[in-house]
């Protein structure tokens, strides 16, 4: 029995969506379960991009730098960012192919691996999202406390919780707009901090003090943590690696899978096809030859 492949659907009108399966002869029926398709392409892009810029990058990076030093921080963050890039790319691909409601990663594990793995992933994602909101609220209050405002910290925590609840209570298009603008602020904030860091390192600060690699010499590129000597440097590297994972763990890079269902055009959102340019045709020919 041949496998069926259905790439388009009329799910926006509430009709059944046949989705082809890797199992020969099996076709899953995904019913429109009331999820409103209000997310645009730019919303999904910023959800994916903003999801990788978590609170840990702003709050936890300084602690990781203090424990391990700049060399260990760079050595720990580079492989973790490559891993996160693979997670986001894979989650985007499979979410475009199977735009299911809810926590899509648990469904994908249940469909392609086993029901046990899907069950475990479902509870794991519940736990992650259950502790993410308190962690984000706590981090927000810590950042606000840096400026030592006269208002009690409980007020800021309450306001943050109310904002989170209000945004998630609104229709999905308002959530998409909120996520788009807040994620844009994070992206431009990261770019601004990078530019400012380069300017300060090159001596563009108020004191005209060129920092360069001064702190790589004193106290040095690597630190010792807990104990002295080589064992301390090993502990520093392990602790820095763990903190680099925490920086992305609460960011939920795979959260793009949960936003696949509410997108307007789902998996066939490709835009108008453009004719291939001359150099693209040559590239395709050479690629076909070498393959």
C-alpha atoms as a PDB file:
ATOM      1  CA  UNK A   1       0.000   0.000   0.000  1.00  0.00           C
ATOM      2  CA  UNK A   2       1.518   3.272  -1.085  1.00  0.00           C
ATOM      3  CA  UNK A   3       1.930   6.129   1.330  1.00  0.00           C
ATOM      4  CA  UNK A   4      -0.320   9.106   0.806  1.00  0.00           C
ATOM      5  CA  UNK A   5       1.127  12.605   0.735  1.00  0.00           C
ATOM      6  CA  UNK A   6      -1.164  15.585   1.249  1.00  0.00           C
ATOM      7  CA  UNK A   7       0.636  18.915   1.312  1.00  0.00           C
ATOM      8  CA  UNK A   8      -2.293  21.300   1.326  1.00  0.00           C
ATOM      9  CA  UNK A   9      -5.489  21.504   3.274  1.00  0.00           C
ATOM     10  CA  UNK A  10      -8.506  23.632   3.969  1.00  0.00           C
ATOM     11  CA  UNK A  11      -7.976  23.547   7.718  1.00  0.00           C
ATOM     12  CA  UNK A  12      -8.597  27.273   8.089  1.00  0.00           C
ATOM     13  CA  UNK A  13     -12.278  26.573   7.410  1.00  0.00           C
ATOM     14  CA  UNK A  14     -12.407  23.812  10.012  1.00  0.00           C
ATOM     15  CA  UNK A  15     -12.051  20.860   7.648  1.00  0.00           C
ATOM     16  CA  UNK A  16     -10.128  17.692   8.309  1.00  0.00           C
ATOM     17  CA  UNK A  17      -6.413  17.779   7.480  1.00  0.00           C
ATOM     18  CA  UNK A  18      -4.942  14.506   6.175  1.00  0.00           C
ATOM     19  CA  UNK A  19      -1.246  14.250   7.076  1.00  0.00           C
ATOM     20  CA  UNK A  20       0.922  11.565   5.512  1.00  0.00           C
ATOM     21  CA  UNK A  21       2.719   9.169   7.843  1.00  0.00           C
ATOM     22  CA  UNK A  22       6.067   7.445   7.748  1.00  0.00           C
ATOM     23  CA  UNK A  23       4.126   4.211   8.296  1.00  0.00           C
ATOM     24  CA  UNK A  24       2.986   2.839   4.962  1.00  0.00           C
ATOM     25  CA  UNK A  25      -0.728   3.186   4.457  1.00  0.00           C
ATOM     26  CA  UNK A  26      -1.345   5.285   7.569  1.00  0.00           C
ATOM     27  CA  UNK A  27      -2.889   8.740   7.398  1.00  0.00           C
ATOM     28  CA  UNK A  28      -3.559  10.778  10.515  1.00  0.00           C
ATOM     29  CA  UNK A  29      -6.618  12.998  10.668  1.00  0.00           C
ATOM     30  CA  UNK A  30      -5.901  16.285  12.434  1.00  0.00           C
ATOM     31  CA  UNK A  31      -9.154  18.061  13.202  1.00  0.00           C
ATOM     32  CA  UNK A  32      -9.406  21.795  13.618  1.00  0.00           C
ATOM     33  CA  UNK A  33      -9.772  22.007  17.384  1.00  0.00           C
ATOM     34  CA  UNK A  34     -10.761  25.657  17.684  1.00  0.00           C
ATOM     35  CA  UNK A  35      -7.252  27.093  17.519  1.00  0.00           C
ATOM     36  CA  UNK A  36      -7.407  30.485  15.852  1.00  0.00           C
ATOM     37  CA  UNK A  37      -4.887  30.994  13.056  1.00  0.00           C
ATOM     38  CA  UNK A  38      -3.733  34.500  13.892  1.00  0.00           C
ATOM     39  CA  UNK A  39       0.066  34.253  13.812  1.00  0.00           C
ATOM     40  CA  UNK A  40       1.811  35.719  10.805  1.00  0.00           C
ATOM     41  CA  UNK A  41       5.171  34.682   9.419  1.00  0.00           C
ATOM     42  CA  UNK A  42       6.986  37.540  11.156  1.00  0.00           C
ATOM     43  CA  UNK A  43       5.434  36.494  14.465  1.00  0.00           C
ATOM     44  CA  UNK A  44       6.718  32.934  14.076  1.00  0.00           C
ATOM     45  CA  UNK A  45      10.174  34.163  13.093  1.00  0.00           C
ATOM     46  CA  UNK A  46      10.458  36.358  16.165  1.00  0.00           C
ATOM     47  CA  UNK A  47       9.089  33.621  18.427  1.00  0.00           C
ATOM     48  CA  UNK A  48      11.856  31.331  17.164  1.00  0.00           C
ATOM     49  CA  UNK A  49      14.553  34.015  17.348  1.00  0.00           C
ATOM     50  CA  UNK A  50      13.435  35.497  20.643  1.00  0.00           C
ATOM     51  CA  UNK A  51      13.062  32.033  22.137  1.00  0.00           C
ATOM     52  CA  UNK A  52      16.798  31.456  21.841  1.00  0.00           C
ATOM     53  CA  UNK A  53      17.579  34.716  23.674  1.00  0.00           C
ATOM     54  CA  UNK A  54      16.504  33.768  27.147  1.00  0.00           C
ATOM     55  CA  UNK A  55      16.845  35.457  30.480  1.00  0.00           C
ATOM     56  CA  UNK A  56      19.922  33.344  31.196  1.00  0.00           C
ATOM     57  CA  UNK A  57      21.880  35.216  28.545  1.00  0.00           C
ATOM     58  CA  UNK A  58      21.257  38.513  30.324  1.00  0.00           C
ATOM     59  CA  UNK A  59      21.358  37.355  33.941  1.00  0.00           C
ATOM     60  CA  UNK A  60      23.433  34.161  34.020  1.00  0.00           C
ATOM     61  CA  UNK A  61      26.247  35.047  31.619  1.00  0.00           C
ATOM     62  CA  UNK A  62      27.943  37.316  34.151  1.00  0.00           C
ATOM     63  CA  UNK A  63      28.006  34.555  36.751  1.00  0.00           C
ATOM     64  CA  UNK A  64      29.400  32.076  34.215  1.00  0.00           C
ATOM     65  CA  UNK A  65      32.098  34.594  33.281  1.00  0.00           C
ATOM     66  CA  UNK A  66      33.047  35.049  36.934  1.00  0.00           C
ATOM     67  CA  UNK A  67      33.317  31.302  37.508  1.00  0.00           C
ATOM     68  CA  UNK A  68      35.170  30.220  34.387  1.00  0.00           C
ATOM     69  CA  UNK A  69      36.753  33.255  32.820  1.00  0.00           C
ATOM     70  CA  UNK A  70      36.469  34.485  29.222  1.00  0.00           C
ATOM     71  CA  UNK A  71      38.229  31.506  27.601  1.00  0.00           C
ATOM     72  CA  UNK A  72      36.036  28.883  29.271  1.00  0.00           C
ATOM     73  CA  UNK A  73      32.946  31.008  28.599  1.00  0.00           C
ATOM     74  CA  UNK A  74      33.751  31.127  24.884  1.00  0.00           C
ATOM     75  CA  UNK A  75      34.634  27.414  24.781  1.00  0.00           C
ATOM     76  CA  UNK A  76      31.375  26.486  26.521  1.00  0.00           C
ATOM     77  CA  UNK A  77      28.992  28.751  24.619  1.00  0.00           C
ATOM     78  CA  UNK A  78      30.177  27.913  21.089  1.00  0.00           C
ATOM     79  CA  UNK A  79      29.138  24.207  21.048  1.00  0.00           C
ATOM     80  CA  UNK A  80      25.950  24.945  22.977  1.00  0.00           C
ATOM     81  CA  UNK A  81      24.878  27.584  20.436  1.00  0.00           C
ATOM     82  CA  UNK A  82      25.552  25.121  17.605  1.00  0.00           C
ATOM     83  CA  UNK A  83      23.376  22.577  19.417  1.00  0.00           C
ATOM     84  CA  UNK A  84      20.611  25.159  19.905  1.00  0.00           C
ATOM     85  CA  UNK A  85      20.788  26.069  16.208  1.00  0.00           C
ATOM     86  CA  UNK A  86      20.253  22.416  15.309  1.00  0.00           C
ATOM     87  CA  UNK A  87      17.312  22.146  17.717  1.00  0.00           C
ATOM     88  CA  UNK A  88      15.622  25.263  16.330  1.00  0.00           C
ATOM     89  CA  UNK A  89      16.200  24.191  12.713  1.00  0.00           C
ATOM     90  CA  UNK A  90      14.890  20.675  13.306  1.00  0.00           C
ATOM     91  CA  UNK A  91      11.885  21.898  15.293  1.00  0.00           C
ATOM     92  CA  UNK A  92      11.039  24.386  12.542  1.00  0.00           C
ATOM     93  CA  UNK A  93      11.236  21.729   9.825  1.00  0.00           C
ATOM     94  CA  UNK A  94       9.016  19.188  11.536  1.00  0.00           C
ATOM     95  CA  UNK A  95       6.608  21.874  12.798  1.00  0.00           C
ATOM     96  CA  UNK A  96       6.141  23.094   9.227  1.00  0.00           C
ATOM     97  CA  UNK A  97       5.436  19.542   8.098  1.00  0.00           C
ATOM     98  CA  UNK A  98       3.107  18.638  10.996  1.00  0.00           C
ATOM     99  CA  UNK A  99       1.456  21.768  12.453  1.00  0.00           C
ATOM    100  CA  UNK A 100      -0.297  20.191  15.423  1.00  0.00           C
ATOM    101  CA  UNK A 101      -1.785  22.068  18.390  1.00  0.00           C
ATOM    102  CA  UNK A 102      -0.193  22.130  21.807  1.00  0.00           C
ATOM    103  CA  UNK A 103       3.238  20.773  22.635  1.00  0.00           C
ATOM    104  CA  UNK A 104       4.229  19.411  19.254  1.00  0.00           C
ATOM    105  CA  UNK A 105       7.509  17.840  20.400  1.00  0.00           C
ATOM    106  CA  UNK A 106       5.675  15.277  22.549  1.00  0.00           C
ATOM    107  CA  UNK A 107       3.434  14.418  19.594  1.00  0.00           C
ATOM    108  CA  UNK A 108       6.428  13.994  17.277  1.00  0.00           C
ATOM    109  CA  UNK A 109       8.145  11.673  19.762  1.00  0.00           C
ATOM    110  CA  UNK A 110       4.937   9.667  20.150  1.00  0.00           C
ATOM    111  CA  UNK A 111       4.472   9.430  16.394  1.00  0.00           C
ATOM    112  CA  UNK A 112       7.989   8.631  15.215  1.00  0.00           C
ATOM    113  CA  UNK A 113       9.681   6.982  18.233  1.00  0.00           C
ATOM    114  CA  UNK A 114       7.374   5.508  20.881  1.00  0.00           C
ATOM    115  CA  UNK A 115       4.412   6.338  23.076  1.00  0.00           C
ATOM    116  CA  UNK A 116       6.621   6.079  26.152  1.00  0.00           C
ATOM    117  CA  UNK A 117       8.964   8.795  24.906  1.00  0.00           C
ATOM    118  CA  UNK A 118       6.018  10.981  23.942  1.00  0.00           C
ATOM    119  CA  UNK A 119       4.506  10.522  27.407  1.00  0.00           C
ATOM    120  CA  UNK A 120       7.826  11.413  29.065  1.00  0.00           C
ATOM    121  CA  UNK A 121       8.348  14.460  26.846  1.00  0.00           C
ATOM    122  CA  UNK A 122       4.827  15.671  27.547  1.00  0.00           C
ATOM    123  CA  UNK A 123       5.392  15.690  31.303  1.00  0.00           C
ATOM    124  CA  UNK A 124       8.871  17.144  30.866  1.00  0.00           C
ATOM    125  CA  UNK A 125       7.527  20.062  28.831  1.00  0.00           C
ATOM    126  CA  UNK A 126       4.787  20.598  31.404  1.00  0.00           C
ATOM    127  CA  UNK A 127       7.434  20.805  34.124  1.00  0.00           C
ATOM    128  CA  UNK A 128       9.644  23.133  32.072  1.00  0.00           C
ATOM    129  CA  UNK A 129       6.845  25.565  31.298  1.00  0.00           C
ATOM    130  CA  UNK A 130       5.538  25.338  34.871  1.00  0.00           C
ATOM    131  CA  UNK A 131       8.853  26.587  36.279  1.00  0.00           C
ATOM    132  CA  UNK A 132       9.687  28.939  33.402  1.00  0.00           C
ATOM    133  CA  UNK A 133       7.184  31.623  34.415  1.00  0.00           C
ATOM    134  CA  UNK A 134       8.371  31.798  38.063  1.00  0.00           C
ATOM    135  CA  UNK A 135      11.983  31.800  36.860  1.00  0.00           C
ATOM    136  CA  UNK A 136      11.304  34.632  34.407  1.00  0.00           C
ATOM    137  CA  UNK A 137       9.405  36.632  37.029  1.00  0.00           C
ATOM    138  CA  UNK A 138      12.245  36.177  39.514  1.00  0.00           C
ATOM    139  CA  UNK A 139      14.830  37.218  36.935  1.00  0.00           C
ATOM    140  CA  UNK A 140      12.780  40.296  36.064  1.00  0.00           C
ATOM    141  CA  UNK A 141      12.637  41.341  39.711  1.00  0.00           C
ATOM    142  CA  UNK A 142      16.404  40.813  40.053  1.00  0.00           C
ATOM    143  CA  UNK A 143      17.088  43.036  37.060  1.00  0.00           C
ATOM    144  CA  UNK A 144      14.775  45.745  38.419  1.00  0.00           C
ATOM    145  CA  UNK A 145      16.414  45.525  41.858  1.00  0.00           C
ATOM    146  CA  UNK A 146      19.751  46.440  40.278  1.00  0.00           C
ATOM    147  CA  UNK A 147      18.595  50.066  40.142  1.00  0.00           C
ATOM    148  CA  UNK A 148      17.354  49.855  43.768  1.00  0.00           C
ATOM    149  CA  UNK A 149      13.886  51.383  43.179  1.00  0.00           C
ATOM    150  CA  UNK A 150      11.906  52.650  46.177  1.00  0.00           C
ATOM    151  CA  UNK A 151       8.980  50.353  45.306  1.00  0.00           C
ATOM    152  CA  UNK A 152       8.893  46.998  47.101  1.00  0.00           C
ATOM    153  CA  UNK A 153       9.947  44.008  45.018  1.00  0.00           C
ATOM    154  CA  UNK A 154       6.577  42.290  45.595  1.00  0.00           C
ATOM    155  CA  UNK A 155       4.907  45.042  43.555  1.00  0.00           C
ATOM    156  CA  UNK A 156       7.130  44.344  40.543  1.00  0.00           C
ATOM    157  CA  UNK A 157       6.555  40.596  40.854  1.00  0.00           C
ATOM    158  CA  UNK A 158       2.779  41.116  40.967  1.00  0.00           C
ATOM    159  CA  UNK A 159       2.819  43.452  37.959  1.00  0.00           C
ATOM    160  CA  UNK A 160       4.930  41.018  35.961  1.00  0.00           C
ATOM    161  CA  UNK A 161       2.571  38.122  36.708  1.00  0.00           C
ATOM    162  CA  UNK A 162      -0.456  40.230  35.754  1.00  0.00           C
ATOM    163  CA  UNK A 163       1.151  41.205  32.440  1.00  0.00           C
ATOM    164  CA  UNK A 164       1.982  37.571  31.636  1.00  0.00           C
ATOM    165  CA  UNK A 165      -1.549  36.404  32.464  1.00  0.00           C
ATOM    166  CA  UNK A 166      -3.141  39.274  30.514  1.00  0.00           C
ATOM    167  CA  UNK A 167      -1.086  38.643  27.376  1.00  0.00           C
ATOM    168  CA  UNK A 168      -1.853  34.911  27.414  1.00  0.00           C
ATOM    169  CA  UNK A 169      -5.570  35.597  27.948  1.00  0.00           C
ATOM    170  CA  UNK A 170      -5.866  37.696  24.781  1.00  0.00           C
ATOM    171  CA  UNK A 171      -6.436  36.247  21.287  1.00  0.00           C
ATOM    172  CA  UNK A 172      -3.401  34.734  19.637  1.00  0.00           C
ATOM    173  CA  UNK A 173      -2.849  37.635  17.238  1.00  0.00           C
ATOM    174  CA  UNK A 174      -2.299  39.996  20.172  1.00  0.00           C
ATOM    175  CA  UNK A 175       0.108  37.519  21.706  1.00  0.00           C
ATOM    176  CA  UNK A 176       1.932  37.368  18.371  1.00  0.00           C
ATOM    177  CA  UNK A 177       2.262  41.141  18.204  1.00  0.00           C
ATOM    178  CA  UNK A 178       3.451  41.311  21.813  1.00  0.00           C
ATOM    179  CA  UNK A 179       5.995  38.563  21.230  1.00  0.00           C
ATOM    180  CA  UNK A 180       7.144  40.233  18.014  1.00  0.00           C
ATOM    181  CA  UNK A 181       7.878  43.598  19.604  1.00  0.00           C
ATOM    182  CA  UNK A 182       9.398  42.239  22.813  1.00  0.00           C
ATOM    183  CA  UNK A 183      11.570  39.824  20.848  1.00  0.00           C
ATOM    184  CA  UNK A 184      12.603  42.710  18.594  1.00  0.00           C
ATOM    185  CA  UNK A 185      13.657  44.653  21.679  1.00  0.00           C
ATOM    186  CA  UNK A 186      15.759  41.691  22.803  1.00  0.00           C
ATOM    187  CA  UNK A 187      17.387  41.301  19.392  1.00  0.00           C
ATOM    188  CA  UNK A 188      18.201  44.990  19.031  1.00  0.00           C
ATOM    189  CA  UNK A 189      19.325  45.029  22.663  1.00  0.00           C
ATOM    190  CA  UNK A 190      21.813  42.230  21.976  1.00  0.00           C
ATOM    191  CA  UNK A 191      23.076  44.038  18.871  1.00  0.00           C
ATOM    192  CA  UNK A 192      23.405  47.296  20.811  1.00  0.00           C
ATOM    193  CA  UNK A 193      25.311  45.590  23.630  1.00  0.00           C
ATOM    194  CA  UNK A 194      27.707  43.996  21.148  1.00  0.00           C
ATOM    195  CA  UNK A 195      28.366  47.329  19.452  1.00  0.00           C
ATOM    196  CA  UNK A 196      28.845  49.044  22.818  1.00  0.00           C
ATOM    197  CA  UNK A 197      31.246  46.304  23.941  1.00  0.00           C
ATOM    198  CA  UNK A 198      33.375  46.768  20.823  1.00  0.00           C
ATOM    199  CA  UNK A 199      33.412  50.539  21.329  1.00  0.00           C
ATOM    200  CA  UNK A 200      34.454  50.205  24.988  1.00  0.00           C
ATOM    201  CA  UNK A 201      37.148  47.646  24.204  1.00  0.00           C
ATOM    202  CA  UNK A 202      38.616  49.960  21.567  1.00  0.00           C
ATOM    203  CA  UNK A 203      38.676  52.909  23.965  1.00  0.00           C
ATOM    204  CA  UNK A 204      35.532  54.737  22.961  1.00  0.00           C
ATOM    205  CA  UNK A 205      34.245  55.123  26.526  1.00  0.00           C
ATOM    206  CA  UNK A 206      34.069  58.349  28.545  1.00  0.00           C
ATOM    207  CA  UNK A 207      37.539  57.766  30.057  1.00  0.00           C
ATOM    208  CA  UNK A 208      39.124  56.920  26.688  1.00  0.00           C
ATOM    209  CA  UNK A 209      40.617  53.837  28.305  1.00  0.00           C
ATOM    210  CA  UNK A 210      41.404  51.155  25.758  1.00  0.00           C
ATOM    211  CA  UNK A 211      40.654  47.814  27.415  1.00  0.00           C
ATOM    212  CA  UNK A 212      41.689  45.415  24.680  1.00  0.00           C
ATOM    213  CA  UNK A 213      42.646  42.029  26.176  1.00  0.00           C
ATOM    214  CA  UNK A 214      43.571  43.482  29.560  1.00  0.00           C
ATOM    215  CA  UNK A 215      41.363  41.125  31.528  1.00  0.00           C
ATOM    216  CA  UNK A 216      42.686  38.142  29.588  1.00  0.00           C
ATOM    217  CA  UNK A 217      46.051  38.898  31.199  1.00  0.00           C
ATOM    218  CA  UNK A 218      44.862  39.884  34.670  1.00  0.00           C
ATOM    219  CA  UNK A 219      43.253  37.832  36.221  1.00  0.00           C
ATOM    220  CA  UNK A 220      43.749  35.566  33.166  1.00  0.00           C
ATOM    221  CA  UNK A 221      41.731  33.772  30.481  1.00  0.00           C
ATOM    222  CA  UNK A 222      40.594  30.976  32.841  1.00  0.00           C
ATOM    223  CA  UNK A 223      39.639  30.930  36.510  1.00  0.00           C
ATOM    224  CA  UNK A 224      39.769  28.349  39.267  1.00  0.00           C
ATOM    225  CA  UNK A 225      36.508  27.337  40.902  1.00  0.00           C
ATOM    226  CA  UNK A 226      35.902  25.608  44.271  1.00  0.00           C
ATOM    227  CA  UNK A 227      39.471  24.235  44.502  1.00  0.00           C
ATOM    228  CA  UNK A 228      42.905  25.393  43.350  1.00  0.00           C
ATOM    229  CA  UNK A 229      45.093  24.083  40.577  1.00  0.00           C
ATOM    230  CA  UNK A 230      44.145  21.950  37.601  1.00  0.00           C
ATOM    231  CA  UNK A 231      41.159  20.477  39.436  1.00  0.00           C
ATOM    232  CA  UNK A 232      39.839  23.983  40.044  1.00  0.00           C
ATOM    233  CA  UNK A 233      40.125  24.825  36.356  1.00  0.00           C
ATOM    234  CA  UNK A 234      38.297  21.606  35.485  1.00  0.00           C
ATOM    235  CA  UNK A 235      35.518  22.504  37.933  1.00  0.00           C
ATOM    236  CA  UNK A 236      35.364  25.984  36.417  1.00  0.00           C
ATOM    237  CA  UNK A 237      34.979  24.578  32.903  1.00  0.00           C
ATOM    238  CA  UNK A 238      32.242  22.138  33.970  1.00  0.00           C
ATOM    239  CA  UNK A 239      30.365  24.857  35.889  1.00  0.00           C
ATOM    240  CA  UNK A 240      30.613  27.262  32.944  1.00  0.00           C
ATOM    241  CA  UNK A 241      29.296  24.605  30.567  1.00  0.00           C
ATOM    242  CA  UNK A 242      26.356  23.886  32.883  1.00  0.00           C
ATOM    243  CA  UNK A 243      25.505  27.582  33.104  1.00  0.00           C
ATOM    244  CA  UNK A 244      25.732  27.914  29.328  1.00  0.00           C
ATOM    245  CA  UNK A 245      23.107  25.161  29.052  1.00  0.00           C
ATOM    246  CA  UNK A 246      20.902  26.943  31.615  1.00  0.00           C
ATOM    247  CA  UNK A 247      21.115  30.107  29.520  1.00  0.00           C
ATOM    248  CA  UNK A 248      19.139  28.363  26.766  1.00  0.00           C
ATOM    249  CA  UNK A 249      17.223  25.766  28.794  1.00  0.00           C
ATOM    250  CA  UNK A 250      14.544  28.181  29.999  1.00  0.00           C
ATOM    251  CA  UNK A 251      14.470  29.959  26.638  1.00  0.00           C
ATOM    252  CA  UNK A 252      12.727  26.915  25.113  1.00  0.00           C
ATOM    253  CA  UNK A 253      14.274  27.009  21.617  1.00  0.00           C
ATOM    254  CA  UNK A 254      11.750  24.375  20.502  1.00  0.00           C
ATOM    255  CA  UNK A 255       8.795  26.607  21.442  1.00  0.00           C
ATOM    256  CA  UNK A 256       8.343  27.318  17.734  1.00  0.00           C
ATOM    257  CA  UNK A 257       6.663  23.886  17.487  1.00  0.00           C
ATOM    258  CA  UNK A 258       3.842  25.092  19.752  1.00  0.00           C
ATOM    259  CA  UNK A 259       3.199  28.067  17.454  1.00  0.00           C
ATOM    260  CA  UNK A 260       2.871  26.010  14.265  1.00  0.00           C
ATOM    261  CA  UNK A 261      -0.852  25.337  14.668  1.00  0.00           C
ATOM    262  CA  UNK A 262      -1.968  28.980  15.152  1.00  0.00           C
ATOM    263  CA  UNK A 263      -0.082  30.199  12.057  1.00  0.00           C
ATOM    264  CA  UNK A 264      -2.239  31.444   9.245  1.00  0.00           C
ATOM    265  CA  UNK A 265      -0.792  29.482   6.352  1.00  0.00           C
ATOM    266  CA  UNK A 266       0.822  26.602   8.192  1.00  0.00           C
ATOM    267  CA  UNK A 267       3.389  24.562   6.369  1.00  0.00           C
ATOM    268  CA  UNK A 268       2.726  25.859   2.857  1.00  0.00           C
ATOM    269  CA  UNK A 269       3.635  29.449   3.759  1.00  0.00           C
ATOM    270  CA  UNK A 270       6.330  29.960   1.164  1.00  0.00           C
ATOM    271  CA  UNK A 271       5.488  33.152  -0.605  1.00  0.00           C
ATOM    272  CA  UNK A 272       5.704  33.714  -4.368  1.00  0.00           C
ATOM    273  CA  UNK A 273       8.231  31.552  -6.148  1.00  0.00           C
ATOM    274  CA  UNK A 274      10.909  33.446  -8.053  1.00  0.00           C
ATOM    275  CA  UNK A 275      12.717  32.178 -11.140  1.00  0.00           C
ATOM    276  CA  UNK A 276      16.206  30.885 -10.429  1.00  0.00           C
ATOM    277  CA  UNK A 277      19.001  33.262 -11.332  1.00  0.00           C
ATOM    278  CA  UNK A 278      21.818  32.309 -13.655  1.00  0.00           C
ATOM    279  CA  UNK A 279      24.380  31.644 -10.917  1.00  0.00           C
ATOM    280  CA  UNK A 280      21.810  29.558  -9.018  1.00  0.00           C
ATOM    281  CA  UNK A 281      21.268  27.379 -12.096  1.00  0.00           C
ATOM    282  CA  UNK A 282      25.035  26.825 -12.434  1.00  0.00           C
ATOM    283  CA  UNK A 283      25.222  25.928  -8.748  1.00  0.00           C
ATOM    284  CA  UNK A 284      22.422  23.388  -9.133  1.00  0.00           C
ATOM    285  CA  UNK A 285      24.140  21.810 -12.153  1.00  0.00           C
ATOM    286  CA  UNK A 286      27.490  21.441 -10.368  1.00  0.00           C
ATOM    287  CA  UNK A 287      25.733  20.105  -7.274  1.00  0.00           C
ATOM    288  CA  UNK A 288      23.933  17.479  -9.383  1.00  0.00           C
ATOM    289  CA  UNK A 289      27.251  16.442 -10.980  1.00  0.00           C
ATOM    290  CA  UNK A 290      29.038  15.934  -7.669  1.00  0.00           C
ATOM    291  CA  UNK A 291      26.098  14.148  -6.098  1.00  0.00           C
END
